[in-house]
mmCIF file of all heavy atoms, coordinates in Angstrom:
data_MODEL
# 
_entry.id   MODEL 
# 
loop_
_atom_site.group_PDB 
_atom_site.id 
_atom_site.type_symbol 
_atom_site.label_atom_id 
_atom_site.label_alt_id 
_atom_site.label_comp_id 
_atom_site.label_asym_id 
_atom_site.label_entity_id 
_atom_site.label_seq_id 
_atom_site.pdbx_PDB_ins_code 
_atom_site.Cartn_x 
_atom_site.Cartn_y 
_atom_site.Cartn_z 
_atom_site.occupancy 
_atom_site.B_iso_or_equiv 
_atom_site.pdbx_formal_charge 
_atom_site.auth_seq_id 
_atom_site.auth_comp_id 
_atom_site.auth_asym_id 
_atom_site.auth_atom_id 
_atom_site.pdbx_PDB_model_num 
ATOM 1   N N   . ILE A 1 1  ? -114.107 0.846   89.559 1.00 0.00 ? 1  ILE A N   1 
ATOM 2   C CA  . ILE A 1 1  ? -114.053 -0.237  88.574 1.00 0.00 ? 1  ILE A CA  1 
ATOM 3   C C   . ILE A 1 1  ? -114.701 0.265   87.296 1.00 0.00 ? 1  ILE A C   1 
ATOM 4   O O   . ILE A 1 1  ? -115.912 0.542   87.262 1.00 0.00 ? 1  ILE A O   1 
ATOM 5   C CB  . ILE A 1 1  ? -114.773 -1.506  89.077 1.00 0.00 ? 1  ILE A CB  1 
ATOM 6   C CG1 . ILE A 1 1  ? -114.198 -1.962  90.427 1.00 0.00 ? 1  ILE A CG1 1 
ATOM 7   C CG2 . ILE A 1 1  ? -114.677 -2.609  88.029 1.00 0.00 ? 1  ILE A CG2 1 
ATOM 8   C CD1 . ILE A 1 1  ? -112.751 -2.425  90.374 1.00 0.00 ? 1  ILE A CD1 1 
ATOM 9   N N   . ARG A 1 2  ? -113.916 0.398   86.265 1.00 0.00 ? 2  ARG A N   1 
ATOM 10  C CA  . ARG A 1 2  ? -114.410 0.938   84.992 1.00 0.00 ? 2  ARG A CA  1 
ATOM 11  C C   . ARG A 1 2  ? -115.330 -0.079  84.298 1.00 0.00 ? 2  ARG A C   1 
ATOM 12  O O   . ARG A 1 2  ? -115.162 -1.297  84.453 1.00 0.00 ? 2  ARG A O   1 
ATOM 13  C CB  . ARG A 1 2  ? -113.234 1.223   84.073 1.00 0.00 ? 2  ARG A CB  1 
ATOM 14  C CG  . ARG A 1 2  ? -112.299 2.308   84.553 1.00 0.00 ? 2  ARG A CG  1 
ATOM 15  C CD  . ARG A 1 2  ? -112.706 3.681   84.087 1.00 0.00 ? 2  ARG A CD  1 
ATOM 16  N NE  . ARG A 1 2  ? -111.608 4.632   84.284 1.00 0.00 ? 2  ARG A NE  1 
ATOM 17  C CZ  . ARG A 1 2  ? -110.713 4.946   83.356 1.00 0.00 ? 2  ARG A CZ  1 
ATOM 18  N NH1 . ARG A 1 2  ? -110.768 4.370   82.163 1.00 0.00 ? 2  ARG A NH1 1 
ATOM 19  N NH2 . ARG A 1 2  ? -109.774 5.831   83.613 1.00 0.00 ? 2  ARG A NH2 1 
ATOM 20  N N   . PRO A 1 3  ? -116.241 0.385   83.458 1.00 0.00 ? 3  PRO A N   1 
ATOM 21  C CA  . PRO A 1 3  ? -117.003 -0.529  82.610 1.00 0.00 ? 3  PRO A CA  1 
ATOM 22  C C   . PRO A 1 3  ? -116.114 -1.107  81.516 1.00 0.00 ? 3  PRO A C   1 
ATOM 23  O O   . PRO A 1 3  ? -115.076 -0.516  81.152 1.00 0.00 ? 3  PRO A O   1 
ATOM 24  C CB  . PRO A 1 3  ? -118.103 0.356   82.026 1.00 0.00 ? 3  PRO A CB  1 
ATOM 25  C CG  . PRO A 1 3  ? -117.531 1.736   82.061 1.00 0.00 ? 3  PRO A CG  1 
ATOM 26  C CD  . PRO A 1 3  ? -116.652 1.780   83.281 1.00 0.00 ? 3  PRO A CD  1 
ATOM 27  N N   . LEU A 1 4  ? -116.504 -2.239  80.980 1.00 0.00 ? 4  LEU A N   1 
ATOM 28  C CA  . LEU A 1 4  ? -115.733 -2.867  79.902 1.00 0.00 ? 4  LEU A CA  1 
ATOM 29  C C   . LEU A 1 4  ? -115.606 -1.945  78.688 1.00 0.00 ? 4  LEU A C   1 
ATOM 30  O O   . LEU A 1 4  ? -114.637 -2.032  77.935 1.00 0.00 ? 4  LEU A O   1 
ATOM 31  C CB  . LEU A 1 4  ? -116.387 -4.183  79.495 1.00 0.00 ? 4  LEU A CB  1 
ATOM 32  C CG  . LEU A 1 4  ? -116.186 -5.347  80.481 1.00 0.00 ? 4  LEU A CG  1 
ATOM 33  C CD1 . LEU A 1 4  ? -117.184 -6.464  80.185 1.00 0.00 ? 4  LEU A CD1 1 
ATOM 34  C CD2 . LEU A 1 4  ? -114.763 -5.868  80.414 1.00 0.00 ? 4  LEU A CD2 1 
ATOM 35  N N   . SER A 1 5  ? -116.572 -1.059  78.524 1.00 0.00 ? 5  SER A N   1 
ATOM 36  C CA  . SER A 1 5  ? -116.553 -0.143  77.376 1.00 0.00 ? 5  SER A CA  1 
ATOM 37  C C   . SER A 1 5  ? -115.556 0.998   77.540 1.00 0.00 ? 5  SER A C   1 
ATOM 38  O O   . SER A 1 5  ? -115.266 1.721   76.590 1.00 0.00 ? 5  SER A O   1 
ATOM 39  C CB  . SER A 1 5  ? -117.956 0.439   77.168 1.00 0.00 ? 5  SER A CB  1 
ATOM 40  O OG  . SER A 1 5  ? -118.371 1.150   78.341 1.00 0.00 ? 5  SER A OG  1 
ATOM 41  N N   . ASN A 1 6  ? -115.028 1.171   78.750 1.00 0.00 ? 6  ASN A N   1 
ATOM 42  C CA  . ASN A 1 6  ? -114.097 2.274   79.012 1.00 0.00 ? 6  ASN A CA  1 
ATOM 43  C C   . ASN A 1 6  ? -112.978 1.800   79.942 1.00 0.00 ? 6  ASN A C   1 
ATOM 44  O O   . ASN A 1 6  ? -112.826 2.297   81.058 1.00 0.00 ? 6  ASN A O   1 
ATOM 45  C CB  . ASN A 1 6  ? -114.851 3.456   79.632 1.00 0.00 ? 6  ASN A CB  1 
ATOM 46  C CG  . ASN A 1 6  ? -113.939 4.645   79.879 1.00 0.00 ? 6  ASN A CG  1 
ATOM 47  O OD1 . ASN A 1 6  ? -112.962 4.867   79.162 1.00 0.00 ? 6  ASN A OD1 1 
ATOM 48  N ND2 . ASN A 1 6  ? -114.251 5.426   80.916 1.00 0.00 ? 6  ASN A ND2 1 
ATOM 49  N N   . PRO A 1 7  ? -112.163 0.856   79.497 1.00 0.00 ? 7  PRO A N   1 
ATOM 50  C CA  . PRO A 1 7  ? -111.141 0.297   80.384 1.00 0.00 ? 7  PRO A CA  1 
ATOM 51  C C   . PRO A 1 7  ? -109.987 1.268   80.600 1.00 0.00 ? 7  PRO A C   1 
ATOM 52  O O   . PRO A 1 7  ? -109.772 2.194   79.810 1.00 0.00 ? 7  PRO A O   1 
ATOM 53  C CB  . PRO A 1 7  ? -110.663 -0.941  79.625 1.00 0.00 ? 7  PRO A CB  1 
ATOM 54  C CG  . PRO A 1 7  ? -110.858 -0.591  78.185 1.00 0.00 ? 7  PRO A CG  1 
ATOM 55  C CD  . PRO A 1 7  ? -112.119 0.236   78.153 1.00 0.00 ? 7  PRO A CD  1 
ATOM 56  N N   . ILE A 1 8  ? -109.236 1.042   81.662 1.00 0.00 ? 8  ILE A N   1 
ATOM 57  C CA  . ILE A 1 8  ? -107.996 1.780   81.870 1.00 0.00 ? 8  ILE A CA  1 
ATOM 58  C C   . ILE A 1 8  ? -106.990 1.373   80.803 1.00 0.00 ? 8  ILE A C   1 
ATOM 59  O O   . ILE A 1 8  ? -106.260 2.203   80.263 1.00 0.00 ? 8  ILE A O   1 
ATOM 60  C CB  . ILE A 1 8  ? -107.450 1.515   83.281 1.00 0.00 ? 8  ILE A CB  1 
ATOM 61  C CG1 . ILE A 1 8  ? -108.377 2.148   84.322 1.00 0.00 ? 8  ILE A CG1 1 
ATOM 62  C CG2 . ILE A 1 8  ? -106.023 2.045   83.438 1.00 0.00 ? 8  ILE A CG2 1 
ATOM 63  C CD1 . ILE A 1 8  ? -108.054 1.792   85.743 1.00 0.00 ? 8  ILE A CD1 1 
ATOM 64  N N   . LYS A 1 9  ? -106.975 0.089   80.486 1.00 0.00 ? 9  LYS A N   1 
ATOM 65  C CA  . LYS A 1 9  ? -106.128 -0.450  79.417 1.00 0.00 ? 9  LYS A CA  1 
ATOM 66  C C   . LYS A 1 9  ? -106.911 -1.568  78.751 1.00 0.00 ? 9  LYS A C   1 
ATOM 67  O O   . LYS A 1 9  ? -107.540 -2.389  79.420 1.00 0.00 ? 9  LYS A O   1 
ATOM 68  C CB  . LYS A 1 9  ? -104.809 -0.970  80.007 1.00 0.00 ? 9  LYS A CB  1 
ATOM 69  C CG  . LYS A 1 9  ? -103.746 -1.349  78.987 1.00 0.00 ? 9  LYS A CG  1 
ATOM 70  C CD  . LYS A 1 9  ? -102.394 -1.604  79.679 1.00 0.00 ? 9  LYS A CD  1 
ATOM 71  C CE  . LYS A 1 9  ? -101.282 -1.884  78.665 1.00 0.00 ? 9  LYS A CE  1 
ATOM 72  N NZ  . LYS A 1 9  ? -101.378 -3.252  78.111 1.00 0.00 ? 9  LYS A NZ  1 
ATOM 73  N N   . LYS A 1 10 ? -106.893 -1.609  77.444 1.00 0.00 ? 10 LYS A N   1 
ATOM 74  C CA  . LYS A 1 10 ? -107.771 -2.540  76.725 1.00 0.00 ? 10 LYS A CA  1 
ATOM 75  C C   . LYS A 1 10 ? -107.322 -3.988  76.815 1.00 0.00 ? 10 LYS A C   1 
ATOM 76  O O   . LYS A 1 10 ? -108.081 -4.904  76.517 1.00 0.00 ? 10 LYS A O   1 
ATOM 77  C CB  . LYS A 1 10 ? -107.886 -2.142  75.254 1.00 0.00 ? 10 LYS A CB  1 
ATOM 78  C CG  . LYS A 1 10 ? -106.588 -2.249  74.464 1.00 0.00 ? 10 LYS A CG  1 
ATOM 79  C CD  . LYS A 1 10 ? -106.768 -1.839  73.013 1.00 0.00 ? 10 LYS A CD  1 
ATOM 80  C CE  . LYS A 1 10 ? -105.468 -1.886  72.224 1.00 0.00 ? 10 LYS A CE  1 
ATOM 81  N NZ  . LYS A 1 10 ? -104.836 -3.217  72.196 1.00 0.00 ? 10 LYS A NZ  1 
ATOM 82  N N   . ASP A 1 11 ? -106.058 -4.183  77.229 1.00 0.00 ? 11 ASP A N   1 
ATOM 83  C CA  . ASP A 1 11 ? -105.552 -5.542  77.385 1.00 0.00 ? 11 ASP A CA  1 
ATOM 84  C C   . ASP A 1 11 ? -104.712 -5.590  78.660 1.00 0.00 ? 11 ASP A C   1 
ATOM 85  O O   . ASP A 1 11 ? -104.688 -4.637  79.442 1.00 0.00 ? 11 ASP A O   1 
ATOM 86  C CB  . ASP A 1 11 ? -104.756 -5.993  76.155 1.00 0.00 ? 11 ASP A CB  1 
ATOM 87  C CG  . ASP A 1 11 ? -103.674 -4.992  75.756 1.00 0.00 ? 11 ASP A CG  1 
ATOM 88  O OD1 . ASP A 1 11 ? -103.399 -4.053  76.534 1.00 0.00 ? 11 ASP A OD1 1 
ATOM 89  O OD2 . ASP A 1 11 ? -103.087 -5.129  74.665 1.00 0.00 ? 11 ASP A OD2 1 
ATOM 90  N N   . SER A 1 12 ? -104.014 -6.676  78.867 1.00 0.00 ? 12 SER A N   1 
ATOM 91  C CA  . SER A 1 12 ? -103.366 -6.897  80.155 1.00 0.00 ? 12 SER A CA  1 
ATOM 92  C C   . SER A 1 12 ? -102.221 -5.919  80.427 1.00 0.00 ? 12 SER A C   1 
ATOM 93  O O   . SER A 1 12 ? -101.445 -5.584  79.529 1.00 0.00 ? 12 SER A O   1 
ATOM 94  C CB  . SER A 1 12 ? -102.822 -8.315  80.237 1.00 0.00 ? 12 SER A CB  1 
ATOM 95  O OG  . SER A 1 12 ? -102.205 -8.550  81.487 1.00 0.00 ? 12 SER A OG  1 
ATOM 96  N N   . HIS A 1 13 ? -102.109 -5.521  81.696 1.00 0.00 ? 13 HIS A N   1 
ATOM 97  C CA  . HIS A 1 13 ? -100.957 -4.747  82.156 1.00 0.00 ? 13 HIS A CA  1 
ATOM 98  C C   . HIS A 1 13 ? -99.772  -5.655  82.444 1.00 0.00 ? 13 HIS A C   1 
ATOM 99  O O   . HIS A 1 13 ? -98.646  -5.173  82.576 1.00 0.00 ? 13 HIS A O   1 
ATOM 100 C CB  . HIS A 1 13 ? -101.322 -3.985  83.425 1.00 0.00 ? 13 HIS A CB  1 
ATOM 101 C CG  . HIS A 1 13 ? -101.609 -4.890  84.581 1.00 0.00 ? 13 HIS A CG  1 
ATOM 102 N ND1 . HIS A 1 13 ? -102.646 -5.806  84.571 1.00 0.00 ? 13 HIS A ND1 1 
ATOM 103 C CD2 . HIS A 1 13 ? -100.977 -5.063  85.775 1.00 0.00 ? 13 HIS A CD2 1 
ATOM 104 C CE1 . HIS A 1 13 ? -102.645 -6.477  85.705 1.00 0.00 ? 13 HIS A CE1 1 
ATOM 105 N NE2 . HIS A 1 13 ? -101.649 -6.054  86.453 1.00 0.00 ? 13 HIS A NE2 1 
ATOM 106 N N   . LEU A 1 14 ? -100.016 -6.959  82.576 1.00 0.00 ? 14 LEU A N   1 
ATOM 107 C CA  . LEU A 1 14 ? -98.946  -7.939  82.789 1.00 0.00 ? 14 LEU A CA  1 
ATOM 108 C C   . LEU A 1 14 ? -98.468  -8.406  81.418 1.00 0.00 ? 14 LEU A C   1 
ATOM 109 O O   . LEU A 1 14 ? -99.159  -9.162  80.731 1.00 0.00 ? 14 LEU A O   1 
ATOM 110 C CB  . LEU A 1 14 ? -99.443  -9.121  83.612 1.00 0.00 ? 14 LEU A CB  1 
ATOM 111 C CG  . LEU A 1 14 ? -99.920  -8.797  85.029 1.00 0.00 ? 14 LEU A CG  1 
ATOM 112 C CD1 . LEU A 1 14 ? -100.492 -10.046 85.699 1.00 0.00 ? 14 LEU A CD1 1 
ATOM 113 C CD2 . LEU A 1 14 ? -98.788  -8.215  85.876 1.00 0.00 ? 14 LEU A CD2 1 
ATOM 114 N N   . VAL A 1 15 ? -97.308  -7.931  81.028 1.00 0.00 ? 15 VAL A N   1 
ATOM 115 C CA  . VAL A 1 15 ? -96.808  -8.204  79.676 1.00 0.00 ? 15 VAL A CA  1 
ATOM 116 C C   . VAL A 1 15 ? -95.605  -9.133  79.780 1.00 0.00 ? 15 VAL A C   1 
ATOM 117 O O   . VAL A 1 15 ? -94.626  -8.831  80.468 1.00 0.00 ? 15 VAL A O   1 
ATOM 118 C CB  . VAL A 1 15 ? -96.403  -6.895  78.968 1.00 0.00 ? 15 VAL A CB  1 
ATOM 119 C CG1 . VAL A 1 15 ? -95.912  -7.186  77.548 1.00 0.00 ? 15 VAL A CG1 1 
ATOM 120 C CG2 . VAL A 1 15 ? -97.577  -5.919  78.942 1.00 0.00 ? 15 VAL A CG2 1 
ATOM 121 N N   . ILE A 1 16 ? -95.692  -10.266 79.105 1.00 0.00 ? 16 ILE A N   1 
ATOM 122 C CA  . ILE A 1 16 ? -94.583  -11.230 79.069 1.00 0.00 ? 16 ILE A CA  1 
ATOM 123 C C   . ILE A 1 16 ? -93.674  -10.854 77.907 1.00 0.00 ? 16 ILE A C   1 
ATOM 124 O O   . ILE A 1 16 ? -94.086  -10.893 76.743 1.00 0.00 ? 16 ILE A O   1 
ATOM 125 C CB  . ILE A 1 16 ? -95.094  -12.674 78.916 1.00 0.00 ? 16 ILE A CB  1 
ATOM 126 C CG1 . ILE A 1 16 ? -96.150  -12.989 79.982 1.00 0.00 ? 16 ILE A CG1 1 
ATOM 127 C CG2 . ILE A 1 16 ? -93.921  -13.650 78.982 1.00 0.00 ? 16 ILE A CG2 1 
ATOM 128 C CD1 . ILE A 1 16 ? -95.692  -12.802 81.407 1.00 0.00 ? 16 ILE A CD1 1 
ATOM 129 N N   . LEU A 1 17 ? -92.451  -10.456 78.238 1.00 0.00 ? 17 LEU A N   1 
ATOM 130 C CA  . LEU A 1 17 ? -91.482  -10.036 77.230 1.00 0.00 ? 17 LEU A CA  1 
ATOM 131 C C   . LEU A 1 17 ? -90.513  -11.166 76.926 1.00 0.00 ? 17 LEU A C   1 
ATOM 132 O O   . LEU A 1 17 ? -90.152  -11.960 77.806 1.00 0.00 ? 17 LEU A O   1 
ATOM 133 C CB  . LEU A 1 17 ? -90.671  -8.842  77.741 1.00 0.00 ? 17 LEU A CB  1 
ATOM 134 C CG  . LEU A 1 17 ? -91.446  -7.613  78.213 1.00 0.00 ? 17 LEU A CG  1 
ATOM 135 C CD1 . LEU A 1 17 ? -90.478  -6.576  78.767 1.00 0.00 ? 17 LEU A CD1 1 
ATOM 136 C CD2 . LEU A 1 17 ? -92.277  -7.020  77.099 1.00 0.00 ? 17 LEU A CD2 1 
ATOM 137 N N   . ARG A 1 18 ? -90.074  -11.218 75.690 1.00 0.00 ? 18 ARG A N   1 
ATOM 138 C CA  . ARG A 1 18 ? -89.007  -12.134 75.287 1.00 0.00 ? 18 ARG A CA  1 
ATOM 139 C C   . ARG A 1 18 ? -88.035  -11.362 74.399 1.00 0.00 ? 18 ARG A C   1 
ATOM 140 O O   . ARG A 1 18 ? -88.309  -10.243 74.000 1.00 0.00 ? 18 ARG A O   1 
ATOM 141 C CB  . ARG A 1 18 ? -89.562  -13.369 74.584 1.00 0.00 ? 18 ARG A CB  1 
ATOM 142 C CG  . ARG A 1 18 ? -90.500  -14.208 75.462 1.00 0.00 ? 18 ARG A CG  1 
ATOM 143 C CD  . ARG A 1 18 ? -90.935  -15.490 74.783 1.00 0.00 ? 18 ARG A CD  1 
ATOM 144 N NE  . ARG A 1 18 ? -91.984  -16.181 75.525 1.00 0.00 ? 18 ARG A NE  1 
ATOM 145 C CZ  . ARG A 1 18 ? -91.776  -17.057 76.483 1.00 0.00 ? 18 ARG A CZ  1 
ATOM 146 N NH1 . ARG A 1 18 ? -90.532  -17.384 76.829 1.00 0.00 ? 18 ARG A NH1 1 
ATOM 147 N NH2 . ARG A 1 18 ? -92.783  -17.644 77.104 1.00 0.00 ? 18 ARG A NH2 1 
ATOM 148 N N   . GLY A 1 19 ? -86.922  -11.968 74.117 1.00 0.00 ? 19 GLY A N   1 
ATOM 149 C CA  . GLY A 1 19 ? -85.915  -11.306 73.306 1.00 0.00 ? 19 GLY A CA  1 
ATOM 150 C C   . GLY A 1 19 ? -84.543  -11.797 73.692 1.00 0.00 ? 19 GLY A C   1 
ATOM 151 O O   . GLY A 1 19 ? -84.404  -12.750 74.462 1.00 0.00 ? 19 GLY A O   1 
ATOM 152 N N   . ASN A 1 20 ? -83.498  -11.136 73.176 1.00 0.00 ? 20 ASN A N   1 
ATOM 153 C CA  . ASN A 1 20 ? -82.152  -11.666 73.425 1.00 0.00 ? 20 ASN A CA  1 
ATOM 154 C C   . ASN A 1 20 ? -81.679  -11.436 74.860 1.00 0.00 ? 20 ASN A C   1 
ATOM 155 O O   . ASN A 1 20 ? -80.657  -11.978 75.259 1.00 0.00 ? 20 ASN A O   1 
ATOM 156 C CB  . ASN A 1 20 ? -81.142  -11.089 72.426 1.00 0.00 ? 20 ASN A CB  1 
ATOM 157 C CG  . ASN A 1 20 ? -80.941  -9.591  72.541 1.00 0.00 ? 20 ASN A CG  1 
ATOM 158 O OD1 . ASN A 1 20 ? -81.575  -8.930  73.351 1.00 0.00 ? 20 ASN A OD1 1 
ATOM 159 N ND2 . ASN A 1 20 ? -80.050  -9.058  71.709 1.00 0.00 ? 20 ASN A ND2 1 
ATOM 160 N N   . LEU A 1 21 ? -82.440  -10.686 75.653 1.00 0.00 ? 21 LEU A N   1 
ATOM 161 C CA  . LEU A 1 21 ? -82.138  -10.559 77.075 1.00 0.00 ? 21 LEU A CA  1 
ATOM 162 C C   . LEU A 1 21 ? -83.004  -11.478 77.935 1.00 0.00 ? 21 LEU A C   1 
ATOM 163 O O   . LEU A 1 21 ? -82.743  -11.624 79.129 1.00 0.00 ? 21 LEU A O   1 
ATOM 164 C CB  . LEU A 1 21 ? -82.342  -9.115  77.551 1.00 0.00 ? 21 LEU A CB  1 
ATOM 165 C CG  . LEU A 1 21 ? -81.105  -8.246  77.704 1.00 0.00 ? 21 LEU A CG  1 
ATOM 166 C CD1 . LEU A 1 21 ? -81.494  -6.863  78.212 1.00 0.00 ? 21 LEU A CD1 1 
ATOM 167 C CD2 . LEU A 1 21 ? -80.077  -8.876  78.633 1.00 0.00 ? 21 LEU A CD2 1 
ATOM 168 N N   . ALA A 1 22 ? -84.024  -12.065 77.340 1.00 0.00 ? 22 ALA A N   1 
ATOM 169 C CA  . ALA A 1 22 ? -84.978  -12.866 78.122 1.00 0.00 ? 22 ALA A CA  1 
ATOM 170 C C   . ALA A 1 22 ? -85.572  -13.963 77.252 1.00 0.00 ? 22 ALA A C   1 
ATOM 171 O O   . ALA A 1 22 ? -86.773  -13.979 76.982 1.00 0.00 ? 22 ALA A O   1 
ATOM 172 C CB  . ALA A 1 22 ? -86.077  -11.978 78.685 1.00 0.00 ? 22 ALA A CB  1 
ATOM 173 N N   . ALA A 1 23 ? -84.722  -14.902 76.833 1.00 0.00 ? 23 ALA A N   1 
ATOM 174 C CA  . ALA A 1 23 ? -85.184  -15.954 75.923 1.00 0.00 ? 23 ALA A CA  1 
ATOM 175 C C   . ALA A 1 23 ? -86.285  -16.800 76.539 1.00 0.00 ? 23 ALA A C   1 
ATOM 176 O O   . ALA A 1 23 ? -87.168  -17.316 75.843 1.00 0.00 ? 23 ALA A O   1 
ATOM 177 C CB  . ALA A 1 23 ? -84.003  -16.848 75.524 1.00 0.00 ? 23 ALA A CB  1 
ATOM 178 N N   . GLU A 1 24 ? -86.252  -16.966 77.881 1.00 0.00 ? 24 GLU A N   1 
ATOM 179 C CA  . GLU A 1 24 ? -87.269  -17.777 78.558 1.00 0.00 ? 24 GLU A CA  1 
ATOM 180 C C   . GLU A 1 24 ? -88.377  -16.933 79.165 1.00 0.00 ? 24 GLU A C   1 
ATOM 181 O O   . GLU A 1 24 ? -89.261  -17.457 79.829 1.00 0.00 ? 24 GLU A O   1 
ATOM 182 C CB  . GLU A 1 24 ? -86.600  -18.633 79.643 1.00 0.00 ? 24 GLU A CB  1 
ATOM 183 C CG  . GLU A 1 24 ? -85.617  -19.646 79.085 1.00 0.00 ? 24 GLU A CG  1 
ATOM 184 C CD  . GLU A 1 24 ? -84.844  -20.366 80.176 1.00 0.00 ? 24 GLU A CD  1 
ATOM 185 O OE1 . GLU A 1 24 ? -85.212  -20.225 81.368 1.00 0.00 ? 24 GLU A OE1 1 
ATOM 186 O OE2 . GLU A 1 24 ? -83.866  -21.057 79.853 1.00 0.00 ? 24 GLU A OE2 1 
ATOM 187 N N   . GLY A 1 25 ? -88.332  -15.622 78.940 1.00 0.00 ? 25 GLY A N   1 
ATOM 188 C CA  . GLY A 1 25 ? -89.407  -14.746 79.378 1.00 0.00 ? 25 GLY A CA  1 
ATOM 189 C C   . GLY A 1 25 ? -89.018  -13.826 80.510 1.00 0.00 ? 25 GLY A C   1 
ATOM 190 O O   . GLY A 1 25 ? -88.092  -14.069 81.275 1.00 0.00 ? 25 GLY A O   1 
ATOM 191 N N   . ALA A 1 26 ? -89.734  -12.705 80.578 1.00 0.00 ? 26 ALA A N   1 
ATOM 192 C CA  . ALA A 1 26 ? -89.641  -11.737 81.665 1.00 0.00 ? 26 ALA A CA  1 
ATOM 193 C C   . ALA A 1 26 ? -91.030  -11.147 81.840 1.00 0.00 ? 26 ALA A C   1 
ATOM 194 O O   . ALA A 1 26 ? -91.885  -11.263 80.961 1.00 0.00 ? 26 ALA A O   1 
ATOM 195 C CB  . ALA A 1 26 ? -88.624  -10.644 81.331 1.00 0.00 ? 26 ALA A CB  1 
ATOM 196 N N   . VAL A 1 27 ? -91.256  -10.514 82.992 1.00 0.00 ? 27 VAL A N   1 
ATOM 197 C CA  . VAL A 1 27 ? -92.588  -9.999  83.306 1.00 0.00 ? 27 VAL A CA  1 
ATOM 198 C C   . VAL A 1 27 ? -92.510  -8.498  83.526 1.00 0.00 ? 27 VAL A C   1 
ATOM 199 O O   . VAL A 1 27 ? -91.764  -8.028  84.392 1.00 0.00 ? 27 VAL A O   1 
ATOM 200 C CB  . VAL A 1 27 ? -93.170  -10.682 84.564 1.00 0.00 ? 27 VAL A CB  1 
ATOM 201 C CG1 . VAL A 1 27 ? -94.581  -10.155 84.835 1.00 0.00 ? 27 VAL A CG1 1 
ATOM 202 C CG2 . VAL A 1 27 ? -93.195  -12.200 84.391 1.00 0.00 ? 27 VAL A CG2 1 
# 
């Protein structure tokens, strides 16, 4: 478990995408 000062990724790995292929969202 990394410290907050050295994360694996600074924000979520779960990204909600939208666009003309996913107007209501995709994960």
